Amino acid sequence: MKILKNNPVVFQFLILIFFLAVLNVGAATAAQTKHSKKSSDSLPVPLDQPTSLQGIDHSPATPQKAETHGEQPHANLGELLPLWSCLPFACILLSIALFPLILPDFWHHHFGKISGFWAATLGIPFLIAFKGAALYEILHIIVVDYVPFIILLWSLYTVSGGILLRGSLRGTPVVNVVLLIIGTLLASWMGTTGAAMLMIRPFLRANNYRKNRTFMVVFFIFLVANVGGSLTPLGDPPLFLGFLHGVSFFWTFNILPHMLTVVVILLLIYFIIDTYYYRKEAVTAPEEDGVKEALKLEGRRNFLFLAGIVGSVLMSGMVDWGEVNTFGIHRSVQDWVRDGLLITMGILSLVTTPIRIRDDNDFSWFPIIEVAYLFIGIFITMIPCLLILKAGANGAMAFLTNGVNRPVHYFWVTGGLSSFLDNAPTYLTFFNSALGRFYSGMTEAQAVPLLMSENTIYLEAVSAGAVFFGACSYIGNAPNFMVRSISEEAGTPMPSFFGYILKYSLVYLVPTFVMVTLVFF
């Protein structure tokens, strides 16, 4: 606690915020009482569907059953929560953005405590005001979202850390563009997280002699960790969620033109910037002064474990083995089996890969620990945001969801929210919005094929927005923060949270998305 004592103002500020949040319980309870009669007059709506879409029968079109099947219904808290209940989420984002800049030592030693603090700031008043319904939502996001999220990241991080590319690979502008293209192509077939974890270390080592490396990693995040996952449901979680709800596996190739447009523009910009700095630096690669070593891969058996991870994820979306109740949360057996297989793949990688490979790969556990600590706070404080969004026209964000009616709206609103919220439920919200708009009264099994064929542009807009805009911030997609952490640990300086957005996303991504809008939407 030494750092806290040395920073009494920071400590007092955090305590003040906490007690202000607790005092808000009265207001939240009043809101609950005010709406209780209204809620009791109608049947509750499942929380994974927008309330404005009750005309759609959302029976899944695939063998996978809905997560809420067999659970006791809960009041739709999204209709009761005020917009200011999202403040703890905003505060944890500000903490991630500002603390590393103004109090770097404090942040480095206490980022886990800060994440836990903001989780408590939301969780305690939430539980006091809404009791069992709040407990259900917290357990649901932990069991269904956070735990699988961390298990998948851990398994991919562990397995990819056992693959080492040796040899003299010089990071010239042409070589770097080739590496980015390879990573972008891999992302749709092994997931953005898998491709990013596999490619980031060779990419960093190839450029370790360069002076200006920050922009390289940022464009790596743009392309490999996000846009590259556009072509198949394996590429990114929202597309996999669409697959579970009846979107055919290869339908996502419809956004190939959108993806190619973004990739070509970003690669061209990258090549121009990299060429400029390469000539300006005039630095000689270290290997040029010695014997050039041929490229070779070590730890190749880990590719089998990567294949096992991809196969496990695909399996979980194609079979139905029933459900089990965990802490009151019904979850599919195949999802638990998938998580067990992912853990097994990671353990097998640890056991069968020589330690020297991981040592030479500069492998450490800090990046995955940092992500695990920060994202538990992010997931919990994000609960009100997601519930309000899912409440649709009956929630505090009705002004936003009611205004979404054209393809360009679906693209930018889905994308804008996916930049900071979990892009999977955001995708599902506007996916269901499109179904309700055009095919009210039909079952999901009937409506989804029609949406794919008759109103393709709407589904393209939702899909492209959810995937592309994940690159706009460090928390927009799972691997973004991991890539940042690995890069900083390897000695590459990375921009702050706001620096990333202001210097790169707004300058390079947003104009590119404007171009996509003009051409396709």
Protein backbone atom coordinates (compact mmCIF):
# COMPACT_ATOMS: atom_id res chain seq x y z
CA MET A 1 0.00 0.00 0.00
CA LYS A 2 3.07 2.26 -0.12
CA ILE A 3 2.03 3.86 -3.41
CA LEU A 4 -1.43 4.65 -2.08
CA LYS A 5 0.09 6.45 0.91
CA ASN A 6 2.29 8.44 -1.41
CA ASN A 7 -0.73 9.45 -3.47
CA PRO A 8 -3.38 10.46 -0.90
CA VAL A 9 -5.27 12.61 -3.39
CA VAL A 10 -5.69 9.68 -5.79
CA PHE A 11 -6.78 7.40 -2.97
CA GLN A 12 -9.29 9.92 -1.60
CA PHE A 13 -10.69 10.53 -5.07
CA LEU A 14 -11.29 6.81 -5.65
CA ILE A 15 -12.94 6.39 -2.24
CA LEU A 16 -15.17 9.42 -2.92
CA ILE A 17 -16.31 7.96 -6.24
CA PHE A 18 -17.07 4.64 -4.53
CA PHE A 19 -19.27 6.20 -1.84
CA LEU A 20 -21.06 8.37 -4.38
CA ALA A 21 -21.90 5.20 -6.28
CA VAL A 22 -23.24 3.56 -3.11
CA LEU A 23 -25.41 6.63 -2.42
CA ASN A 24 -26.94 6.17 -5.86
CA VAL A 25 -28.54 2.93 -4.66
CA GLY A 26 -31.51 4.93 -3.40
CA ALA A 27 -32.07 6.43 -6.82
CA ALA A 28 -31.73 3.07 -8.51
CA THR A 29 -34.17 1.47 -6.07
CA ALA A 30 -36.64 4.27 -6.70
CA ALA A 31 -36.37 3.65 -10.43
CA GLN A 32 -37.03 -0.03 -9.84
CA THR A 33 -40.13 0.74 -7.75
CA LYS A 34 -41.41 3.22 -10.31
CA HIS A 35 -41.29 0.62 -13.06
CA SER A 36 -42.31 -2.45 -11.06
CA LYS A 37 -46.03 -2.10 -11.84
CA LYS A 38 -45.30 -1.65 -15.53
CA SER A 39 -43.02 -4.69 -15.54
CA SER A 40 -45.57 -6.84 -13.73
CA ASP A 41 -48.23 -6.09 -16.33
CA SER A 42 -46.35 -7.96 -19.06
CA LEU A 43 -44.29 -11.08 -19.37
CA PRO A 44 -40.53 -10.49 -19.09
CA VAL A 45 -38.53 -10.59 -22.29
CA PRO A 46 -35.31 -12.67 -22.46
CA LEU A 47 -32.34 -10.40 -21.94
CA ASP A 48 -30.48 -11.51 -25.05
CA GLN A 49 -33.19 -10.03 -27.30
CA PRO A 50 -34.10 -6.37 -27.79
CA THR A 51 -37.54 -5.73 -26.31
CA SER A 52 -38.63 -3.91 -29.44
CA LEU A 53 -38.40 -7.15 -31.40
CA GLN A 54 -40.97 -9.27 -29.62
CA GLY A 55 -42.66 -10.07 -32.93
CA ILE A 56 -39.81 -12.38 -33.92
CA ASP A 57 -39.65 -15.96 -32.74
CA HIS A 58 -35.96 -16.22 -31.91
CA SER A 59 -35.72 -20.00 -31.86
CA PRO A 60 -32.17 -20.69 -33.07
CA ALA A 61 -31.90 -21.99 -36.62
CA THR A 62 -28.94 -24.19 -35.68
CA PRO A 63 -28.77 -27.16 -33.32
CA GLN A 64 -27.38 -24.90 -30.62
CA LYS A 65 -30.04 -23.87 -28.14
CA ALA A 66 -30.40 -20.40 -26.74
CA GLU A 67 -28.37 -19.73 -23.62
CA THR A 68 -31.40 -18.80 -21.58
CA HIS A 69 -33.35 -21.98 -22.32
CA GLY A 70 -34.72 -23.50 -19.16
CA GLU A 71 -33.72 -20.58 -16.93
CA GLN A 72 -36.08 -18.66 -14.70
CA PRO A 73 -37.15 -15.41 -16.39
CA HIS A 74 -35.80 -12.18 -14.92
CA ALA A 75 -37.10 -8.64 -15.13
CA ASN A 76 -35.63 -6.75 -18.04
CA LEU A 77 -33.25 -4.52 -16.13
CA GLY A 78 -32.33 -2.71 -19.32
CA GLU A 79 -35.72 -0.94 -19.13
CA LEU A 80 -35.05 0.23 -15.57
CA LEU A 81 -31.41 1.30 -15.65
CA PRO A 82 -30.64 4.98 -16.25
CA LEU A 83 -27.91 6.01 -18.66
CA TRP A 84 -25.68 7.18 -15.82
CA SER A 85 -25.39 3.58 -14.62
CA CYS A 86 -22.75 3.30 -17.37
CA LEU A 87 -20.47 5.71 -15.45
CA PRO A 88 -18.32 2.98 -13.84
CA PHE A 89 -17.62 1.63 -17.34
CA ALA A 90 -16.58 5.10 -18.48
CA CYS A 91 -14.40 5.45 -15.37
CA ILE A 92 -12.53 2.18 -15.93
CA LEU A 93 -11.86 3.25 -19.52
CA LEU A 94 -10.54 6.59 -18.24
CA SER A 95 -8.38 4.74 -15.73
CA ILE A 96 -6.87 2.61 -18.50
CA ALA A 97 -6.33 5.75 -20.55
CA LEU A 98 -4.93 8.15 -17.92
CA PHE A 99 -3.22 6.23 -15.11
CA PRO A 100 -0.40 4.82 -17.28
CA LEU A 101 0.35 8.42 -18.30
CA ILE A 102 0.06 10.36 -15.03
CA LEU A 103 0.89 7.64 -12.47
CA PRO A 104 2.71 4.84 -14.33
CA ASP A 105 4.26 3.21 -11.22
CA PHE A 106 0.96 3.26 -9.38
CA TRP A 107 -0.77 1.71 -12.39
CA HIS A 108 1.87 -0.97 -12.94
CA HIS A 109 1.60 -2.24 -9.36
CA HIS A 110 -2.12 -1.75 -8.79
CA PHE A 111 -3.99 -2.09 -12.10
CA GLY A 112 -5.71 -5.23 -10.80
CA LYS A 113 -6.93 -3.39 -7.69
CA ILE A 114 -8.20 -0.48 -9.80
CA SER A 115 -10.11 -2.89 -12.04
CA GLY A 116 -11.60 -4.59 -8.98
CA PHE A 117 -12.51 -1.22 -7.49
CA TRP A 118 -14.56 -0.16 -10.50
CA ALA A 119 -16.18 -3.60 -10.67
CA ALA A 120 -17.23 -3.16 -7.03
CA THR A 121 -18.43 0.39 -7.72
CA LEU A 122 -20.95 -1.04 -10.16
CA GLY A 123 -21.52 -4.43 -8.56
CA ILE A 124 -22.34 -3.44 -4.96
CA PRO A 125 -25.04 -0.83 -5.75
CA PHE A 126 -26.35 -3.08 -8.51
CA LEU A 127 -26.77 -6.01 -6.11
CA ILE A 128 -28.33 -3.86 -3.37
CA ALA A 129 -30.85 -2.32 -5.75
CA PHE A 130 -31.82 -5.32 -7.86
CA LYS A 131 -30.74 -8.28 -5.70
CA GLY A 132 -31.29 -11.63 -7.45
CA ALA A 133 -31.72 -10.17 -10.92
CA ALA A 134 -28.42 -8.31 -10.56
CA LEU A 135 -26.66 -11.38 -9.23
CA TYR A 136 -27.93 -13.34 -12.22
CA GLU A 137 -26.57 -10.77 -14.67
CA ILE A 138 -23.16 -10.67 -12.98
CA LEU A 139 -22.89 -14.46 -12.87
CA HIS A 140 -24.14 -14.71 -16.45
CA ILE A 141 -21.49 -12.40 -17.87
CA ILE A 142 -18.77 -14.15 -15.85
CA VAL A 143 -19.79 -17.74 -16.64
CA VAL A 144 -20.98 -17.28 -20.23
CA ASP A 145 -18.70 -14.48 -21.45
CA TYR A 146 -15.65 -13.77 -19.28
CA VAL A 147 -14.51 -17.30 -18.42
CA PRO A 148 -14.67 -18.60 -22.05
CA PHE A 149 -13.03 -15.34 -23.19
CA ILE A 150 -10.04 -15.80 -20.87
CA ILE A 151 -9.75 -19.53 -21.56
CA LEU A 152 -9.63 -18.93 -25.32
CA LEU A 153 -7.07 -16.13 -24.96
CA TRP A 154 -4.94 -18.18 -22.58
CA SER A 155 -4.92 -21.25 -24.83
CA LEU A 156 -4.02 -19.26 -27.95
CA TYR A 157 -1.41 -17.23 -26.10
CA THR A 158 0.16 -20.36 -24.62
CA VAL A 159 0.21 -22.38 -27.85
CA SER A 160 1.43 -19.53 -30.06
CA GLY A 161 4.16 -18.78 -27.51
CA GLY A 162 5.61 -22.23 -28.24
CA ILE A 163 6.16 -21.47 -31.94
CA LEU A 164 9.47 -19.78 -32.69
CA LEU A 165 10.65 -18.43 -36.04
CA ARG A 166 14.45 -18.43 -36.09
CA GLY A 167 16.63 -16.87 -38.73
CA SER A 168 17.54 -13.54 -40.21
CA LEU A 169 14.29 -11.79 -41.04
CA ARG A 170 14.86 -8.12 -41.79
CA GLY A 171 11.87 -5.82 -41.34
CA THR A 172 11.98 -3.79 -44.54
CA PRO A 173 8.78 -2.11 -45.80
CA VAL A 174 8.20 -4.92 -48.33
CA VAL A 175 8.84 -7.70 -45.78
CA ASN A 176 6.55 -6.01 -43.27
CA VAL A 177 3.75 -5.72 -45.80
CA VAL A 178 4.13 -9.43 -46.62
CA LEU A 179 3.96 -10.31 -42.91
CA LEU A 180 0.81 -8.18 -42.50
CA ILE A 181 -0.80 -9.85 -45.52
CA ILE A 182 -0.01 -13.33 -44.14
CA GLY A 183 -1.47 -12.42 -40.75
CA THR A 184 -4.55 -10.88 -42.33
CA LEU A 185 -5.20 -14.02 -44.40
CA LEU A 186 -4.72 -16.29 -41.40
CA ALA A 187 -7.12 -14.30 -39.22
CA SER A 188 -10.29 -15.49 -40.96
CA TRP A 189 -9.36 -19.16 -40.54
CA MET A 190 -7.73 -19.30 -37.10
CA GLY A 191 -9.39 -16.24 -35.57
CA THR A 192 -8.03 -12.75 -35.10
CA THR A 193 -6.69 -13.72 -31.67
CA GLY A 194 -4.90 -16.81 -32.98
CA ALA A 195 -3.36 -14.99 -35.96
CA ALA A 196 -2.30 -12.02 -33.82
CA MET A 197 -0.68 -14.19 -31.15
CA LEU A 198 1.10 -16.28 -33.80
CA MET A 199 2.44 -13.37 -35.88
CA ILE A 200 3.19 -10.57 -33.40
CA ARG A 201 6.49 -11.94 -32.03
CA PRO A 202 8.09 -12.63 -35.46
CA PHE A 203 6.86 -9.21 -36.59
CA LEU A 204 8.44 -7.51 -33.56
CA ARG A 205 11.74 -9.40 -33.88
CA ALA A 206 12.00 -8.59 -37.59
CA ASN A 207 11.80 -4.89 -36.72
CA ASN A 208 13.71 -4.79 -33.43
CA TYR A 209 16.51 -2.76 -35.06
CA ARG A 210 14.11 -0.07 -36.30
CA LYS A 211 13.75 3.21 -34.39
CA ASN A 212 10.09 3.93 -35.25
CA ARG A 213 8.02 0.83 -34.52
CA THR A 214 4.88 2.12 -32.85
CA PHE A 215 2.91 2.71 -36.07
CA MET A 216 3.85 -0.82 -37.23
CA VAL A 217 2.12 -2.45 -34.27
CA VAL A 218 -0.91 -0.18 -34.61
CA PHE A 219 -1.41 -1.22 -38.24
CA PHE A 220 -0.83 -4.83 -37.16
CA ILE A 221 -3.77 -4.39 -34.76
CA PHE A 222 -5.87 -2.81 -37.52
CA LEU A 223 -5.28 -5.58 -40.04
CA VAL A 224 -4.38 -8.84 -38.31
CA ALA A 225 -6.25 -8.41 -35.02
CA ASN A 226 -9.47 -7.07 -36.56
CA VAL A 227 -10.18 -6.55 -40.28
CA GLY A 228 -8.60 -9.88 -41.27
CA GLY A 229 -11.26 -11.81 -39.35
CA SER A 230 -14.06 -10.80 -41.71
CA LEU A 231 -14.42 -13.80 -44.01
CA THR A 232 -15.58 -16.72 -41.87
CA PRO A 233 -17.37 -17.28 -38.55
CA LEU A 234 -14.05 -18.53 -37.19
CA GLY A 235 -12.54 -15.09 -37.70
CA ASP A 236 -14.33 -13.00 -35.07
CA PRO A 237 -16.88 -13.69 -32.28
CA PRO A 238 -19.79 -11.66 -33.77
CA LEU A 239 -19.62 -13.61 -37.03
CA PHE A 240 -19.54 -16.87 -35.08
CA LEU A 241 -22.61 -15.67 -33.19
CA GLY A 242 -24.34 -15.04 -36.52
CA PHE A 243 -23.40 -18.57 -37.60
CA LEU A 244 -25.07 -19.93 -34.46
CA HIS A 245 -28.23 -18.01 -35.39
CA GLY A 246 -28.50 -19.39 -38.91
CA VAL A 247 -26.16 -17.35 -41.09
CA SER A 248 -24.48 -19.86 -43.40
CA PHE A 249 -20.75 -20.48 -42.93
CA PHE A 250 -19.61 -19.02 -46.26
CA TRP A 251 -22.15 -16.16 -46.41
CA THR A 252 -19.55 -13.88 -44.82
CA PHE A 253 -17.62 -13.93 -48.11
CA ASN A 254 -20.20 -11.31 -49.13
CA ILE A 255 -18.11 -8.76 -47.23
CA LEU A 256 -14.93 -9.74 -49.09
CA PRO A 257 -15.13 -6.56 -51.25
CA HIS A 258 -15.52 -4.44 -48.10
CA MET A 259 -12.61 -6.21 -46.45
CA LEU A 260 -10.36 -5.88 -49.52
CA THR A 261 -11.13 -2.18 -49.76
CA VAL A 262 -10.07 -1.60 -46.15
CA VAL A 263 -7.03 -3.87 -46.40
CA VAL A 264 -5.73 -2.29 -49.61
CA ILE A 265 -6.15 1.26 -48.28
CA LEU A 266 -4.49 0.49 -44.95
CA LEU A 267 -1.63 -1.47 -46.53
CA LEU A 268 -0.97 1.35 -48.97
CA ILE A 269 -0.90 3.90 -46.14
CA TYR A 270 1.32 1.60 -44.09
CA PHE A 271 3.78 1.08 -46.93
CA ILE A 272 4.10 4.83 -47.50
CA ILE A 273 4.71 5.52 -43.80
CA ASP A 274 7.11 2.59 -43.37
CA THR A 275 9.10 3.57 -46.48
CA TYR A 276 9.39 7.15 -45.24
CA TYR A 277 10.73 6.12 -41.81
CA TYR A 278 12.95 3.38 -43.25
CA ARG A 279 14.75 5.88 -45.46
CA LYS A 280 14.84 8.52 -42.74
CA GLU A 281 16.35 6.13 -40.15
CA ALA A 282 19.02 4.73 -42.46
CA VAL A 283 19.66 1.98 -39.90
CA THR A 284 21.51 -1.20 -40.84
CA ALA A 285 19.96 -4.47 -39.66
CA PRO A 286 22.26 -6.29 -37.17
CA GLU A 287 22.31 -9.51 -39.22
CA GLU A 288 23.92 -7.69 -42.13
CA ASP A 289 27.13 -7.46 -40.07
CA GLY A 290 27.32 -11.22 -39.51
CA VAL A 291 26.32 -14.53 -41.05
CA LYS A 292 22.78 -14.62 -42.34
CA GLU A 293 20.79 -17.44 -40.75
CA ALA A 294 18.19 -19.34 -42.74
CA LEU A 295 14.59 -19.12 -41.56
CA LYS A 296 13.22 -22.13 -39.71
CA LEU A 297 10.29 -22.89 -37.44
CA GLU A 298 10.68 -24.57 -34.05
CA GLY A 299 7.85 -25.93 -31.94
CA ARG A 300 5.92 -26.99 -35.02
CA ARG A 301 3.80 -29.48 -33.08
CA ASN A 302 2.00 -26.46 -31.63
CA PHE A 303 0.29 -26.03 -34.99
CA LEU A 304 -1.56 -29.26 -34.16
CA PHE A 305 -2.71 -27.68 -30.90
CA LEU A 306 -3.78 -24.54 -32.79
CA ALA A 307 -5.81 -26.75 -35.12
CA GLY A 308 -7.32 -28.39 -32.03
CA ILE A 309 -8.35 -24.99 -30.69
CA VAL A 310 -9.99 -23.97 -33.97
CA GLY A 311 -11.72 -27.33 -34.26
CA SER A 312 -13.00 -27.11 -30.67
CA VAL A 313 -14.53 -23.69 -31.31
CA LEU A 314 -16.17 -24.88 -34.52
CA MET A 315 -17.47 -28.04 -32.80
CA SER A 316 -19.17 -26.01 -30.07
CA GLY A 317 -21.31 -24.29 -32.69
CA MET A 318 -22.32 -27.40 -34.61
CA VAL A 319 -23.52 -29.89 -31.98
CA ASP A 320 -26.14 -29.91 -29.23
CA TRP A 321 -25.39 -32.03 -26.18
CA GLY A 322 -27.87 -30.42 -23.83
CA GLU A 323 -27.33 -27.98 -20.98
CA VAL A 324 -26.06 -27.89 -17.42
CA ASN A 325 -26.89 -25.48 -14.60
CA THR A 326 -23.92 -23.64 -13.11
CA PHE A 327 -24.72 -21.19 -10.29
CA GLY A 328 -28.19 -20.75 -11.79
CA ILE A 329 -26.83 -20.14 -15.28
CA HIS A 330 -27.81 -22.67 -17.95
CA ARG A 331 -24.95 -23.27 -20.37
CA SER A 332 -24.54 -25.79 -23.16
CA VAL A 333 -22.54 -28.93 -22.43
CA GLN A 334 -20.62 -28.50 -25.68
CA ASP A 335 -19.43 -25.08 -24.51
CA TRP A 336 -17.98 -26.58 -21.34
CA VAL A 337 -16.42 -29.38 -23.39
CA ARG A 338 -14.91 -26.78 -25.71
CA ASP A 339 -13.40 -24.89 -22.76
CA GLY A 340 -11.98 -28.15 -21.41
CA LEU A 341 -10.43 -28.95 -24.78
CA LEU A 342 -8.91 -25.47 -25.00
CA ILE A 343 -7.32 -25.88 -21.58
CA THR A 344 -6.05 -29.31 -22.64
CA MET A 345 -4.46 -27.85 -25.78
CA GLY A 346 -2.69 -25.24 -23.68
CA ILE A 347 -1.43 -27.79 -21.16
CA LEU A 348 -0.20 -30.11 -23.92
CA SER A 349 1.69 -27.20 -25.43
CA LEU A 350 3.35 -26.41 -22.09
CA VAL A 351 4.30 -30.04 -21.51
CA THR A 352 5.60 -30.87 -24.99
CA THR A 353 7.36 -27.63 -25.92
CA PRO A 354 10.98 -27.23 -24.73
CA ILE A 355 11.37 -24.36 -22.26
CA ARG A 356 14.22 -22.88 -24.30
CA ILE A 357 11.81 -22.15 -27.16
CA ARG A 358 9.59 -20.06 -24.91
CA ASP A 359 12.64 -18.36 -23.39
CA ASP A 360 13.99 -17.49 -26.84
CA ASN A 361 10.51 -16.28 -27.75
CA ASP A 362 10.61 -13.82 -24.79
CA PHE A 363 7.51 -15.56 -23.44
CA SER A 364 6.07 -14.40 -20.10
CA TRP A 365 2.70 -14.60 -18.38
CA PHE A 366 2.36 -10.86 -17.68
CA PRO A 367 0.32 -9.94 -20.82
CA ILE A 368 -2.37 -12.56 -20.17
CA ILE A 369 -2.46 -11.69 -16.45
CA GLU A 370 -2.90 -8.00 -17.27
CA VAL A 371 -5.75 -8.78 -19.68
CA ALA A 372 -7.44 -11.10 -17.16
CA TYR A 373 -7.36 -8.48 -14.38
CA LEU A 374 -8.49 -5.55 -16.51
CA PHE A 375 -11.20 -7.34 -18.44
CA ILE A 376 -13.01 -8.70 -15.40
CA GLY A 377 -13.59 -5.08 -14.43
CA ILE A 378 -14.50 -4.14 -18.00
CA PHE A 379 -16.98 -7.02 -18.37
CA ILE A 380 -18.75 -6.30 -15.06
CA THR A 381 -18.97 -2.52 -15.50
CA MET A 382 -20.19 -3.09 -19.06
CA ILE A 383 -23.34 -4.89 -17.84
CA PRO A 384 -25.62 -1.79 -17.68
CA CYS A 385 -24.46 -0.65 -21.13
CA LEU A 386 -25.33 -3.99 -22.70
CA LEU A 387 -28.67 -4.31 -20.87
CA ILE A 388 -29.75 -0.81 -21.88
CA LEU A 389 -28.73 -1.48 -25.46
CA LYS A 390 -30.62 -4.79 -25.52
CA ALA A 391 -33.75 -3.07 -24.17
CA GLY A 392 -34.02 -1.32 -27.52
CA ALA A 393 -36.89 1.18 -27.73
CA ASN A 394 -37.69 0.67 -24.03
CA GLY A 395 -34.21 1.50 -22.78
CA ALA A 396 -32.29 4.70 -22.09
CA MET A 397 -30.56 4.39 -25.49
CA ALA A 398 -33.87 4.35 -27.40
CA PHE A 399 -32.87 7.62 -29.06
CA LEU A 400 -30.02 5.68 -30.68
CA THR A 401 -31.62 2.33 -31.52
CA ASN A 402 -34.82 3.93 -32.87
CA GLY A 403 -32.81 5.97 -35.33
CA VAL A 404 -31.17 2.93 -36.94
CA ASN A 405 -33.10 2.19 -40.15
CA ARG A 406 -30.72 2.49 -43.13
CA PRO A 407 -27.68 0.35 -44.00
CA VAL A 408 -25.32 3.24 -43.27
CA HIS A 409 -26.87 3.55 -39.82
CA TYR A 410 -26.43 -0.15 -39.11
CA PHE A 411 -22.78 0.06 -40.20
CA TRP A 412 -21.81 3.09 -38.12
CA VAL A 413 -23.94 2.48 -35.01
CA THR A 414 -23.01 -1.20 -34.77
CA GLY A 415 -19.40 -0.23 -35.40
CA GLY A 416 -19.32 2.73 -33.04
CA LEU A 417 -20.69 0.69 -30.14
CA SER A 418 -18.41 -2.25 -31.02
CA SER A 419 -15.41 0.07 -30.64
CA PHE A 420 -15.89 0.10 -26.87
CA LEU A 421 -18.46 -2.54 -25.97
CA ASP A 422 -18.36 -6.27 -26.58
CA ASN A 423 -18.92 -6.54 -30.34
CA ALA A 424 -20.69 -9.92 -30.08
CA PRO A 425 -23.87 -8.77 -28.22
CA THR A 426 -23.78 -5.51 -30.19
CA TYR A 427 -23.85 -7.53 -33.42
CA LEU A 428 -26.72 -9.66 -32.10
CA THR A 429 -28.74 -6.60 -31.08
CA PHE A 430 -28.71 -5.04 -34.55
CA PHE A 431 -28.91 -8.42 -36.28
CA ASN A 432 -32.22 -8.93 -34.42
CA SER A 433 -33.19 -5.34 -35.19
CA ALA A 434 -32.89 -6.06 -38.91
CA LEU A 435 -34.91 -9.27 -38.56
CA GLY A 436 -37.66 -7.42 -36.68
CA ARG A 437 -37.68 -4.61 -39.22
CA PHE A 438 -38.26 -6.81 -42.26
CA TYR A 439 -39.65 -10.13 -41.02
CA SER A 440 -41.74 -9.45 -37.93
CA GLY A 441 -43.82 -12.48 -36.97
CA MET A 442 -41.57 -15.05 -38.63
CA THR A 443 -39.43 -17.55 -36.80
CA GLU A 444 -35.70 -16.94 -36.86
CA ALA A 445 -35.25 -20.08 -39.02
CA GLN A 446 -37.54 -18.50 -41.64
CA ALA A 447 -36.28 -14.92 -41.34
CA VAL A 448 -32.50 -15.37 -41.43
CA PRO A 449 -32.33 -16.96 -44.93
CA LEU A 450 -34.53 -14.14 -46.24
CA LEU A 451 -32.30 -11.52 -44.61
CA MET A 452 -29.26 -13.14 -46.24
CA SER A 453 -30.86 -13.16 -49.70
CA GLU A 454 -33.35 -10.27 -49.87
CA ASN A 455 -31.77 -7.65 -47.58
CA THR A 456 -28.15 -8.66 -47.81
CA ILE A 457 -26.88 -5.10 -47.48
CA TYR A 458 -28.26 -4.80 -43.93
CA LEU A 459 -26.53 -7.95 -42.75
CA GLU A 460 -23.35 -6.83 -44.52
CA ALA A 461 -23.53 -3.52 -42.67
CA VAL A 462 -23.96 -5.16 -39.25
CA SER A 463 -21.23 -7.74 -39.91
CA ALA A 464 -18.68 -5.30 -41.33
CA GLY A 465 -19.37 -2.72 -38.63
CA ALA A 466 -18.95 -5.20 -35.77
CA VAL A 467 -15.66 -6.57 -37.14
CA PHE A 468 -13.99 -3.51 -38.65
CA PHE A 469 -14.64 -1.04 -35.84
CA GLY A 470 -13.14 -3.36 -33.25
CA ALA A 471 -9.84 -1.84 -34.35
CA CYS A 472 -10.80 1.64 -33.14
CA SER A 473 -9.66 1.17 -29.52
CA TYR A 474 -7.56 -1.17 -27.43
CA ILE A 475 -10.68 -2.79 -25.95
CA GLY A 476 -12.61 -3.05 -29.22
CA ASN A 477 -11.50 -6.65 -29.80
CA ALA A 478 -9.89 -9.32 -27.65
CA PRO A 479 -6.37 -9.42 -29.15
CA ASN A 480 -5.85 -5.63 -29.30
CA PHE A 481 -4.83 -5.26 -25.68
CA MET A 482 -2.76 -8.45 -25.81
CA VAL A 483 -0.79 -7.18 -28.79
CA ARG A 484 -0.20 -3.88 -27.01
CA SER A 485 1.02 -5.62 -23.85
CA ILE A 486 3.33 -8.02 -25.73
CA SER A 487 4.76 -5.16 -27.76
CA GLU A 488 5.46 -3.00 -24.72
CA GLU A 489 7.10 -5.94 -22.97
CA ALA A 490 9.32 -6.41 -26.04
CA GLY A 491 10.43 -2.77 -25.87
CA THR A 492 8.15 -1.19 -28.47
CA PRO A 493 6.50 1.98 -27.11
CA MET A 494 2.76 2.05 -27.65
CA PRO A 495 0.37 5.01 -27.66
CA SER A 496 -1.93 5.63 -24.73
CA PHE A 497 -5.61 4.70 -24.89
CA PHE A 498 -6.60 8.14 -26.20
CA GLY A 499 -3.37 8.49 -28.18
CA TYR A 500 -4.26 5.36 -30.11
CA ILE A 501 -7.70 6.77 -30.94
CA LEU A 502 -6.64 10.34 -31.71
CA LYS A 503 -3.39 9.69 -33.57
CA TYR A 504 -4.33 6.54 -35.46
CA SER A 505 -8.00 5.50 -35.41
CA LEU A 506 -9.41 8.93 -36.26
CA VAL A 507 -6.63 9.67 -38.74
CA TYR A 508 -6.47 6.38 -40.66
CA LEU A 509 -9.41 4.12 -39.79
CA VAL A 510 -12.35 6.52 -39.78
CA PRO A 511 -11.56 8.00 -43.24
CA THR A 512 -11.18 4.45 -44.55
CA PHE A 513 -14.60 3.53 -43.15
CA VAL A 514 -16.04 6.66 -44.76
CA MET A 515 -14.73 5.36 -48.07
CA VAL A 516 -16.35 1.97 -47.42
CA THR A 517 -19.61 3.77 -46.63
CA LEU A 518 -19.54 5.76 -49.87
CA VAL A 519 -18.80 2.67 -51.97
CA PHE A 520 -21.01 0.04 -50.34
CA PHE A 521 -23.63 1.62 -48.05
